[in-house]
Amino acid sequence: MKNTQAVFLAGRLNEAADDFLLAELRREGAEGLVPSHGDILSALFREDGLPMSAIATKTHRTKSTVSALADRLEKYGYLERRRSSEDARVVGLYLTEKGRALKPAFSRISDRLSERVCAGFTSEEVRLLEKLLERALHNF
């Protein structure tokens, strides 16, 4: 197949989404957060107290990356680490009250991001776009 612009365009879309998310996080007053924190916080919104290894698996990140992201989230008071009472080697991440309070803002930001990305598309086109992106990702 001849060279395409698919990867370039996907990269540009990712950059534009990150810029949008940063602006929205600032608008919502989410101090210290960057888009890469979103996967961890979203996982904890669904199931608080997950071990770092489970978050790494769910977010497709390495344990060291999750640890570094958790450091910053802990520094800003969004989460705390707790050792498992059953296995001291296991460290769970737990949302603080400040972290739990972010859930409505994350929902609003997610809705606005989806609206921005899908503006001008029909529902069928959105489903096709998602299907094509999934297929391209699956190729890796």
N, C-alpha and C. Protein backbone atom coordinates (compact mmCIF):
# COMPACT_ATOMS: atom_id res chain seq x y z
N MET A 1 0.84 -1.18 0.00
CA MET A 1 0.00 0.00 0.00
C MET A 1 0.89 1.24 0.00
N LYS A 2 0.45 2.21 -0.72
CA LYS A 2 1.16 3.49 -0.80
C LYS A 2 1.09 4.20 0.55
N ASN A 3 2.09 5.02 0.83
CA ASN A 3 2.08 5.80 2.07
C ASN A 3 0.79 6.60 2.18
N THR A 4 0.25 6.64 3.42
CA THR A 4 -0.95 7.42 3.66
C THR A 4 -0.66 8.45 4.75
N GLN A 5 -1.59 9.30 4.97
CA GLN A 5 -1.47 10.29 6.04
C GLN A 5 -2.19 9.85 7.31
N ALA A 6 -2.63 8.60 7.36
CA ALA A 6 -3.44 8.13 8.48
C ALA A 6 -2.72 8.31 9.82
N VAL A 7 -1.47 7.91 9.91
CA VAL A 7 -0.75 8.02 11.19
C VAL A 7 -0.51 9.48 11.53
N PHE A 8 -0.15 10.28 10.54
CA PHE A 8 0.04 11.71 10.77
C PHE A 8 -1.25 12.34 11.29
N LEU A 9 -2.38 12.02 10.65
CA LEU A 9 -3.66 12.59 11.06
C LEU A 9 -4.07 12.10 12.45
N ALA A 10 -3.83 10.84 12.74
CA ALA A 10 -4.14 10.30 14.07
C ALA A 10 -3.31 11.02 15.13
N GLY A 11 -2.05 11.25 14.83
CA GLY A 11 -1.18 11.98 15.76
C GLY A 11 -1.65 13.40 15.97
N ARG A 12 -2.04 14.05 14.91
CA ARG A 12 -2.55 15.43 15.02
C ARG A 12 -3.84 15.47 15.82
N LEU A 13 -4.70 14.47 15.62
CA LEU A 13 -5.94 14.38 16.39
C LEU A 13 -5.63 14.22 17.87
N ASN A 14 -4.66 13.39 18.18
CA ASN A 14 -4.26 13.18 19.57
C ASN A 14 -3.72 14.47 20.19
N GLU A 15 -2.89 15.19 19.45
CA GLU A 15 -2.36 16.47 19.94
C GLU A 15 -3.48 17.48 20.17
N ALA A 16 -4.40 17.56 19.23
CA ALA A 16 -5.50 18.51 19.36
C ALA A 16 -6.39 18.13 20.55
N ALA A 17 -6.62 16.84 20.75
CA ALA A 17 -7.44 16.40 21.88
C ALA A 17 -6.73 16.72 23.20
N ASP A 18 -5.42 16.50 23.25
CA ASP A 18 -4.67 16.83 24.47
C ASP A 18 -4.74 18.33 24.78
N ASP A 19 -4.57 19.16 23.77
CA ASP A 19 -4.68 20.62 23.96
C ASP A 19 -6.07 20.99 24.47
N PHE A 20 -7.09 20.40 23.87
CA PHE A 20 -8.46 20.65 24.29
C PHE A 20 -8.65 20.23 25.75
N LEU A 21 -8.16 19.02 26.10
CA LEU A 21 -8.32 18.52 27.46
C LEU A 21 -7.61 19.41 28.48
N LEU A 22 -6.42 19.87 28.15
CA LEU A 22 -5.69 20.77 29.06
C LEU A 22 -6.50 22.03 29.33
N ALA A 23 -7.05 22.61 28.27
CA ALA A 23 -7.84 23.82 28.43
C ALA A 23 -9.09 23.54 29.26
N GLU A 24 -9.72 22.42 29.03
CA GLU A 24 -10.94 22.07 29.78
C GLU A 24 -10.62 21.78 31.24
N LEU A 25 -9.51 21.11 31.51
CA LEU A 25 -9.11 20.85 32.89
C LEU A 25 -8.88 22.16 33.64
N ARG A 26 -8.21 23.10 32.97
CA ARG A 26 -7.99 24.42 33.58
C ARG A 26 -9.32 25.12 33.83
N ARG A 27 -10.21 25.05 32.85
CA ARG A 27 -11.52 25.69 32.97
C ARG A 27 -12.32 25.11 34.14
N GLU A 28 -12.15 23.82 34.39
CA GLU A 28 -12.86 23.16 35.49
C GLU A 28 -12.13 23.31 36.82
N GLY A 29 -10.94 23.94 36.80
CA GLY A 29 -10.20 24.16 38.03
C GLY A 29 -9.49 22.93 38.56
N ALA A 30 -9.17 21.99 37.69
CA ALA A 30 -8.50 20.75 38.08
C ALA A 30 -7.00 20.99 38.15
N GLU A 31 -6.57 21.49 39.28
CA GLU A 31 -5.18 21.89 39.50
C GLU A 31 -4.21 20.72 39.31
N GLY A 32 -3.18 20.96 38.49
CA GLY A 32 -2.09 20.00 38.35
C GLY A 32 -2.35 18.83 37.44
N LEU A 33 -3.56 18.69 36.91
CA LEU A 33 -3.87 17.53 36.07
C LEU A 33 -3.48 17.76 34.62
N VAL A 34 -3.08 16.67 33.99
CA VAL A 34 -2.79 16.65 32.56
C VAL A 34 -3.56 15.47 31.97
N PRO A 35 -3.74 15.44 30.65
CA PRO A 35 -4.54 14.37 30.04
C PRO A 35 -4.11 12.95 30.42
N SER A 36 -2.83 12.73 30.62
CA SER A 36 -2.38 11.36 30.94
C SER A 36 -2.88 10.87 32.29
N HIS A 37 -3.35 11.77 33.15
CA HIS A 37 -3.93 11.35 34.42
C HIS A 37 -5.34 10.79 34.25
N GLY A 38 -5.97 11.12 33.14
CA GLY A 38 -7.36 10.75 32.93
C GLY A 38 -7.64 9.26 32.99
N ASP A 39 -6.76 8.44 32.41
CA ASP A 39 -6.99 7.00 32.41
C ASP A 39 -6.98 6.44 33.83
N ILE A 40 -6.05 6.91 34.64
CA ILE A 40 -5.95 6.41 36.02
C ILE A 40 -7.18 6.84 36.82
N LEU A 41 -7.52 8.10 36.73
CA LEU A 41 -8.68 8.59 37.48
C LEU A 41 -9.96 7.91 37.02
N SER A 42 -10.12 7.73 35.72
CA SER A 42 -11.32 7.06 35.21
C SER A 42 -11.42 5.63 35.72
N ALA A 43 -10.29 4.93 35.76
CA ALA A 43 -10.29 3.56 36.28
C ALA A 43 -10.71 3.56 37.75
N LEU A 44 -10.22 4.54 38.51
CA LEU A 44 -10.57 4.61 39.93
C LEU A 44 -12.01 5.08 40.14
N PHE A 45 -12.56 5.88 39.23
CA PHE A 45 -13.97 6.26 39.33
C PHE A 45 -14.84 5.01 39.20
N ARG A 46 -14.42 4.06 38.35
CA ARG A 46 -15.18 2.82 38.16
C ARG A 46 -14.98 1.85 39.31
N GLU A 47 -13.73 1.77 39.82
CA GLU A 47 -13.42 0.82 40.89
C GLU A 47 -12.28 1.39 41.74
N ASP A 48 -12.63 2.00 42.84
CA ASP A 48 -11.65 2.62 43.72
C ASP A 48 -10.83 1.53 44.42
N GLY A 49 -9.57 1.85 44.68
CA GLY A 49 -8.71 0.92 45.42
C GLY A 49 -8.03 -0.12 44.58
N LEU A 50 -7.95 0.10 43.29
CA LEU A 50 -7.28 -0.87 42.42
C LEU A 50 -5.79 -0.91 42.70
N PRO A 51 -5.18 -2.11 42.62
CA PRO A 51 -3.72 -2.19 42.71
C PRO A 51 -3.09 -1.50 41.50
N MET A 52 -1.90 -0.97 41.68
CA MET A 52 -1.22 -0.29 40.57
C MET A 52 -1.05 -1.22 39.38
N SER A 53 -0.78 -2.51 39.62
CA SER A 53 -0.61 -3.45 38.51
C SER A 53 -1.90 -3.58 37.69
N ALA A 54 -3.06 -3.56 38.35
CA ALA A 54 -4.33 -3.64 37.63
C ALA A 54 -4.56 -2.37 36.81
N ILE A 55 -4.21 -1.23 37.39
CA ILE A 55 -4.37 0.03 36.64
C ILE A 55 -3.44 0.03 35.43
N ALA A 56 -2.23 -0.46 35.60
CA ALA A 56 -1.29 -0.54 34.46
C ALA A 56 -1.90 -1.38 33.34
N THR A 57 -2.50 -2.50 33.69
CA THR A 57 -3.12 -3.36 32.69
C THR A 57 -4.30 -2.67 32.02
N LYS A 58 -5.17 -2.08 32.81
CA LYS A 58 -6.37 -1.43 32.27
C LYS A 58 -6.05 -0.22 31.40
N THR A 59 -4.96 0.48 31.70
CA THR A 59 -4.62 1.70 30.97
C THR A 59 -3.55 1.49 29.90
N HIS A 60 -3.08 0.25 29.77
CA HIS A 60 -2.04 -0.08 28.78
C HIS A 60 -0.77 0.73 29.01
N ARG A 61 -0.42 0.87 30.28
CA ARG A 61 0.80 1.59 30.66
C ARG A 61 1.67 0.66 31.50
N THR A 62 2.95 1.01 31.62
CA THR A 62 3.83 0.22 32.47
C THR A 62 3.57 0.58 33.93
N LYS A 63 3.96 -0.31 34.82
CA LYS A 63 3.79 -0.04 36.25
C LYS A 63 4.58 1.20 36.66
N SER A 64 5.77 1.39 36.07
CA SER A 64 6.57 2.56 36.43
C SER A 64 5.90 3.85 35.96
N THR A 65 5.24 3.82 34.82
CA THR A 65 4.51 4.99 34.34
C THR A 65 3.33 5.30 35.26
N VAL A 66 2.58 4.26 35.65
CA VAL A 66 1.46 4.45 36.57
C VAL A 66 1.96 5.02 37.89
N SER A 67 3.09 4.52 38.36
CA SER A 67 3.66 5.00 39.61
C SER A 67 4.01 6.49 39.52
N ALA A 68 4.62 6.88 38.41
CA ALA A 68 5.00 8.29 38.23
C ALA A 68 3.76 9.18 38.14
N LEU A 69 2.75 8.73 37.42
CA LEU A 69 1.52 9.51 37.32
C LEU A 69 0.82 9.59 38.68
N ALA A 70 0.84 8.48 39.41
CA ALA A 70 0.23 8.45 40.74
C ALA A 70 0.97 9.39 41.70
N ASP A 71 2.29 9.50 41.55
CA ASP A 71 3.05 10.43 42.39
C ASP A 71 2.48 11.84 42.29
N ARG A 72 2.22 12.27 41.07
CA ARG A 72 1.73 13.63 40.87
C ARG A 72 0.29 13.76 41.38
N LEU A 73 -0.52 12.74 41.13
CA LEU A 73 -1.90 12.77 41.62
C LEU A 73 -1.94 12.81 43.14
N GLU A 74 -1.01 12.10 43.76
CA GLU A 74 -0.92 12.11 45.22
C GLU A 74 -0.44 13.47 45.72
N LYS A 75 0.54 14.04 45.02
CA LYS A 75 1.08 15.36 45.39
C LYS A 75 -0.02 16.42 45.41
N TYR A 76 -0.95 16.34 44.45
CA TYR A 76 -2.02 17.33 44.37
C TYR A 76 -3.24 16.93 45.19
N GLY A 77 -3.17 15.82 45.90
CA GLY A 77 -4.23 15.44 46.82
C GLY A 77 -5.42 14.72 46.21
N TYR A 78 -5.25 14.16 45.00
CA TYR A 78 -6.36 13.47 44.33
C TYR A 78 -6.46 11.99 44.72
N LEU A 79 -5.36 11.41 45.14
CA LEU A 79 -5.39 10.01 45.53
C LEU A 79 -4.38 9.74 46.62
N GLU A 80 -4.51 8.55 47.18
CA GLU A 80 -3.54 8.11 48.19
C GLU A 80 -3.24 6.64 47.93
N ARG A 81 -2.04 6.25 48.34
CA ARG A 81 -1.62 4.85 48.22
C ARG A 81 -1.86 4.17 49.57
N ARG A 82 -2.30 2.91 49.48
CA ARG A 82 -2.44 2.10 50.69
C ARG A 82 -1.94 0.69 50.41
N ARG A 83 -1.17 0.16 51.34
CA ARG A 83 -0.70 -1.22 51.22
C ARG A 83 -1.85 -2.16 51.55
N SER A 84 -1.89 -3.27 50.83
CA SER A 84 -2.91 -4.28 51.08
C SER A 84 -2.68 -4.92 52.44
N SER A 85 -3.76 -5.15 53.16
CA SER A 85 -3.65 -5.83 54.45
C SER A 85 -3.38 -7.32 54.26
N GLU A 86 -3.69 -7.83 53.07
CA GLU A 86 -3.48 -9.24 52.78
C GLU A 86 -2.09 -9.53 52.21
N ASP A 87 -1.53 -8.57 51.47
CA ASP A 87 -0.22 -8.75 50.85
C ASP A 87 0.49 -7.40 50.82
N ALA A 88 1.45 -7.21 51.68
CA ALA A 88 2.12 -5.90 51.83
C ALA A 88 2.85 -5.47 50.56
N ARG A 89 3.07 -6.39 49.63
CA ARG A 89 3.73 -6.01 48.37
C ARG A 89 2.78 -5.28 47.43
N VAL A 90 1.49 -5.42 47.66
CA VAL A 90 0.47 -4.83 46.79
C VAL A 90 0.08 -3.46 47.32
N VAL A 91 0.16 -2.47 46.43
CA VAL A 91 -0.22 -1.10 46.77
C VAL A 91 -1.46 -0.73 45.96
N GLY A 92 -2.52 -0.36 46.67
CA GLY A 92 -3.74 0.10 46.00
C GLY A 92 -3.78 1.60 45.93
N LEU A 93 -4.43 2.10 44.90
CA LEU A 93 -4.63 3.54 44.74
C LEU A 93 -6.08 3.84 45.07
N TYR A 94 -6.28 4.82 45.95
CA TYR A 94 -7.60 5.20 46.42
C TYR A 94 -7.82 6.68 46.20
N LEU A 95 -8.99 7.03 45.70
CA LEU A 95 -9.34 8.43 45.53
C LEU A 95 -9.56 9.07 46.89
N THR A 96 -9.10 10.29 47.01
CA THR A 96 -9.42 11.09 48.18
C THR A 96 -10.77 11.77 47.90
N GLU A 97 -11.25 12.51 48.86
CA GLU A 97 -12.48 13.28 48.66
C GLU A 97 -12.30 14.25 47.48
N LYS A 98 -11.13 14.88 47.41
CA LYS A 98 -10.83 15.80 46.31
C LYS A 98 -10.84 15.05 44.98
N GLY A 99 -10.32 13.84 44.96
CA GLY A 99 -10.32 13.04 43.74
C GLY A 99 -11.72 12.63 43.32
N ARG A 100 -12.52 12.18 44.28
CA ARG A 100 -13.90 11.78 43.98
C ARG A 100 -14.71 12.98 43.45
N ALA A 101 -14.38 14.16 43.95
CA ALA A 101 -15.11 15.36 43.53
C ALA A 101 -14.86 15.71 42.05
N LEU A 102 -13.84 15.12 41.44
CA LEU A 102 -13.54 15.39 40.03
C LEU A 102 -14.49 14.67 39.07
N LYS A 103 -15.17 13.66 39.53
CA LYS A 103 -15.97 12.83 38.62
C LYS A 103 -16.96 13.62 37.77
N PRO A 104 -17.74 14.53 38.33
CA PRO A 104 -18.66 15.30 37.48
C PRO A 104 -17.92 16.14 36.43
N ALA A 105 -16.79 16.73 36.80
CA ALA A 105 -16.02 17.52 35.83
C ALA A 105 -15.50 16.64 34.71
N PHE A 106 -15.03 15.44 35.05
CA PHE A 106 -14.54 14.52 34.03
C PHE A 106 -15.65 14.13 33.07
N SER A 107 -16.84 13.94 33.60
CA SER A 107 -17.98 13.60 32.75
C SER A 107 -18.29 14.75 31.79
N ARG A 108 -18.30 15.96 32.31
CA ARG A 108 -18.57 17.13 31.45
C ARG A 108 -17.49 17.28 30.38
N ILE A 109 -16.23 17.13 30.78
CA ILE A 109 -15.12 17.27 29.82
C ILE A 109 -15.21 16.19 28.75
N SER A 110 -15.50 14.97 29.16
CA SER A 110 -15.62 13.86 28.21
C SER A 110 -16.74 14.13 27.20
N ASP A 111 -17.86 14.65 27.69
CA ASP A 111 -18.97 14.98 26.79
C ASP A 111 -18.56 16.06 25.79
N ARG A 112 -17.87 17.09 26.28
CA ARG A 112 -17.45 18.19 25.39
C ARG A 112 -16.41 17.71 24.37
N LEU A 113 -15.51 16.81 24.79
CA LEU A 113 -14.52 16.26 23.86
C LEU A 113 -15.21 15.45 22.77
N SER A 114 -16.15 14.61 23.16
CA SER A 114 -16.88 13.81 22.17
C SER A 114 -17.64 14.70 21.19
N GLU A 115 -18.27 15.74 21.73
CA GLU A 115 -18.99 16.67 20.86
C GLU A 115 -18.05 17.33 19.85
N ARG A 116 -16.87 17.72 20.32
CA ARG A 116 -15.91 18.39 19.44
C ARG A 116 -15.42 17.44 18.36
N VAL A 117 -15.03 16.23 18.75
CA VAL A 117 -14.48 15.26 17.79
C VAL A 117 -15.54 14.86 16.76
N CYS A 118 -16.78 14.72 17.22
CA CYS A 118 -17.82 14.17 16.34
C CYS A 118 -18.67 15.23 15.65
N ALA A 119 -18.33 16.50 15.83
CA ALA A 119 -19.11 17.57 15.20
C ALA A 119 -19.14 17.38 13.69
N GLY A 120 -20.32 17.45 13.12
CA GLY A 120 -20.47 17.34 11.68
C GLY A 120 -20.56 15.92 11.15
N PHE A 121 -20.44 14.93 12.04
CA PHE A 121 -20.56 13.53 11.62
C PHE A 121 -21.96 13.02 11.94
N THR A 122 -22.45 12.12 11.12
CA THR A 122 -23.68 11.41 11.46
C THR A 122 -23.34 10.31 12.45
N SER A 123 -24.35 9.76 13.09
CA SER A 123 -24.12 8.64 14.02
C SER A 123 -23.46 7.47 13.31
N GLU A 124 -23.88 7.21 12.09
CA GLU A 124 -23.29 6.11 11.31
C GLU A 124 -21.81 6.39 11.01
N GLU A 125 -21.49 7.63 10.69
CA GLU A 125 -20.10 7.99 10.41
C GLU A 125 -19.23 7.85 11.66
N VAL A 126 -19.77 8.21 12.82
CA VAL A 126 -19.02 8.06 14.07
C VAL A 126 -18.73 6.59 14.32
N ARG A 127 -19.74 5.74 14.15
CA ARG A 127 -19.52 4.29 14.35
C ARG A 127 -18.49 3.75 13.37
N LEU A 128 -18.53 4.21 12.11
CA LEU A 128 -17.56 3.77 11.11
C LEU A 128 -16.16 4.25 11.47
N LEU A 129 -16.04 5.50 11.89
CA LEU A 129 -14.74 6.04 12.30
C LEU A 129 -14.16 5.21 13.44
N GLU A 130 -14.98 4.91 14.45
CA GLU A 130 -14.51 4.11 15.58
C GLU A 130 -14.08 2.71 15.12
N LYS A 131 -14.86 2.12 14.25
CA LYS A 131 -14.54 0.78 13.74
C LYS A 131 -13.22 0.79 12.97
N LEU A 132 -13.02 1.79 12.13
CA LEU A 132 -11.78 1.88 11.35
C LEU A 132 -10.57 2.13 12.24
N LEU A 133 -10.73 3.00 13.24
CA LEU A 133 -9.62 3.26 14.16
C LEU A 133 -9.29 2.00 14.97
N GLU A 134 -10.30 1.27 15.41
CA GLU A 134 -10.06 0.02 16.13
C GLU A 134 -9.30 -0.98 15.26
N ARG A 135 -9.70 -1.09 13.99
CA ARG A 135 -9.01 -2.01 13.07
C ARG A 135 -7.56 -1.59 12.87
N ALA A 136 -7.33 -0.30 12.71
CA ALA A 136 -5.95 0.17 12.52
C ALA A 136 -5.13 -0.11 13.76
N LEU A 137 -5.68 0.13 14.94
CA LEU A 137 -4.97 -0.14 16.18
C LEU A 137 -4.69 -1.62 16.34
N HIS A 138 -5.65 -2.44 15.98
CA HIS A 138 -5.49 -3.90 16.07
C HIS A 138 -4.32 -4.39 15.21
N ASN A 139 -4.00 -3.66 14.15
CA ASN A 139 -2.87 -4.06 13.28
C ASN A 139 -1.54 -4.04 14.01
N PHE A 140 -1.47 -3.39 15.16
CA PHE A 140 -0.26 -3.34 15.93
C PHE A 140 -0.26 -4.38 17.02
